[in-house]
Amino acid sequence: MTFIGILGGHWLFGAPFSATSMIGFIALAGIIVRIPILLVDFIRHNRSPDQPLSEILIEAGAIRSKPILLTALAAMIGAGVILSDPIFQGLAISLLFGLASSTLLTVLIIPAIYRVVKT
């Protein structure tokens, strides 16, 4: 999911996929992995037998989306600062667009996968 945003960002800026781009890709592997953990952990702790699964998934998305988006936005702002640097531009593009796409897709896809697995 991250790679979709990274390729789109590099295409949009017309920038080559460089070594710093790959460093950003690797860094995103560590950053993005916390989102599904936060969502699934929240779902598991708040799940009650009498509450429908779809209701729990919607509640988890509503409650956890703000902290997830704020964390991603903070990292994106930090990456935006180095966007104009020619050496670290690939890293910034990878972080900016990779975080944007993977955060959005993860928040949407993880609850859907959880629902399919649990039903």
Foldseek 3Di string as FASTA:
>chain_A
DLVVQLVVLCVVVVHDQDPLLVVLVVVVVVVLVVVLVQLVVQLVVPDDPVDDLVVSLVVSLVVCVVVLVVVLVVQLVVLVVCCPPPVNVSNSSSSNRSSVVSSVCCSVVSSVVVVVVVD
